[in-house]
Protein backbone atom coordinates (compact mmCIF):
# COMPACT_ATOMS: atom_id res chain seq x y z
CA MET A 1 -0.01 0.13 -0.05
CA PHE A 2 2.68 2.37 0.73
CA GLY A 3 5.44 1.26 -1.45
CA LEU A 4 4.92 4.09 -3.91
CA GLY A 5 2.86 6.32 -1.71
CA ASP A 6 5.87 7.17 0.53
CA GLY A 7 8.03 8.17 -2.55
CA PHE A 8 5.08 10.28 -4.01
CA ALA A 9 4.55 11.99 -0.68
CA THR A 10 8.00 13.15 -0.36
CA TYR A 11 8.28 14.38 -3.96
CA THR A 12 4.67 16.06 -3.69
CA GLY A 13 5.51 17.53 -0.29
CA THR A 14 8.89 19.03 -1.40
CA THR A 15 7.95 20.28 -4.66
CA TYR A 16 4.30 21.51 -4.18
CA GLY A 17 3.84 21.52 -0.39
CA LYS A 18 2.71 24.85 0.96
CA HIS A 19 0.61 23.85 4.01
CA ARG A 20 2.70 22.81 6.92
CA LEU A 21 1.18 20.21 9.44
CA PRO A 22 0.60 21.90 12.73
CA TRP A 23 2.04 18.83 14.72
CA ASN A 24 5.11 18.41 12.50
CA ARG A 25 6.40 21.47 10.82
CA ASN A 26 8.70 19.20 8.51
CA LYS A 27 5.87 17.65 6.66
CA THR A 28 3.18 19.16 4.51
CA MET A 29 -0.63 18.63 4.07
CA GLU A 30 0.12 18.03 0.38
CA GLY A 31 2.48 15.21 0.86
CA THR A 32 0.21 13.63 3.53
CA LEU A 33 -2.78 13.47 1.26
CA ARG A 34 -0.68 12.12 -1.70
CA LEU A 35 0.49 9.33 0.72
CA MET A 36 -3.10 8.48 1.37
CA ALA A 37 -4.24 8.70 -2.15
CA GLY A 38 -1.27 6.35 -3.13
CA ALA A 39 -2.30 3.99 -0.30
CA MET A 40 -5.79 3.95 -1.84
CA ARG A 41 -4.80 2.17 -4.73
CA ALA A 42 -5.07 -0.94 -2.67
CA ILE A 43 -8.96 -0.66 -3.04
CA LEU A 44 -8.54 -2.63 -5.96
CA ILE A 45 -7.88 -5.78 -4.19
CA LEU A 46 -8.64 -5.07 -0.44
CA PRO A 47 -12.14 -4.25 1.15
CA VAL A 48 -12.93 -0.48 1.04
CA SER A 49 -13.43 0.02 4.75
CA ALA A 50 -10.05 -1.77 5.67
CA THR A 51 -8.18 0.31 3.08
CA LEU A 52 -9.80 3.60 4.22
CA LEU A 53 -8.62 2.94 7.71
CA VAL A 54 -5.34 1.70 6.87
CA ALA A 55 -4.64 4.59 4.58
CA ALA A 56 -5.59 7.12 7.16
CA LEU A 57 -3.68 5.54 9.99
CA GLY A 58 -0.74 5.12 7.74
CA ALA A 59 -0.71 8.78 6.66
CA PHE A 60 -1.19 9.84 10.26
CA ILE A 61 1.60 7.68 11.48
CA GLU A 62 3.81 8.97 8.77
CA SER A 63 3.11 12.51 9.72
CA LEU A 64 4.26 12.09 13.19
CA THR A 65 7.69 12.95 14.67
CA LEU A 66 8.93 9.45 15.80
CA LYS A 67 12.48 8.36 16.77
CA LEU A 68 11.70 5.20 15.07
CA ASN A 69 12.52 4.65 11.17
CA ASP A 70 9.03 4.74 9.84
CA ASN A 71 10.20 2.97 6.82
CA ILE A 72 10.38 -0.18 8.95
CA THR A 73 7.84 0.43 11.63
CA LEU A 74 5.06 1.52 9.30
CA PRO A 75 4.74 -1.57 6.83
CA VAL A 76 5.02 -3.75 9.95
CA VAL A 77 2.19 -1.98 11.83
CA LEU A 78 0.13 -1.51 8.87
CA SER A 79 0.50 -5.16 7.70
CA LEU A 80 -0.50 -6.38 11.04
CA LEU A 81 -3.60 -4.14 10.88
CA ILE A 82 -4.78 -5.32 7.63
CA TYR A 83 -4.34 -8.98 8.65
CA LEU A 84 -6.29 -8.45 11.79
CA LEU A 85 -9.02 -6.54 9.78
CA LEU A 86 -9.33 -9.29 7.09
């Protein structure tokens, strides 16, 4: 879900991002929305409700300032969540 979404979010946020997130000034609303849009491609193979929930949660977790590497923790957490929802 987030393989391309993360790259698209970085590109969109750094190139077109104008609106900084209030809780993380290093991230933009445009990048966060692009990440969610990229994750929504999973709607083609997963149930809509599970995809919406995981896409929103993933975009929120990605926007947080965490000490952990989100490129490792995000796929693990979201894969576990998808597994539990299905």
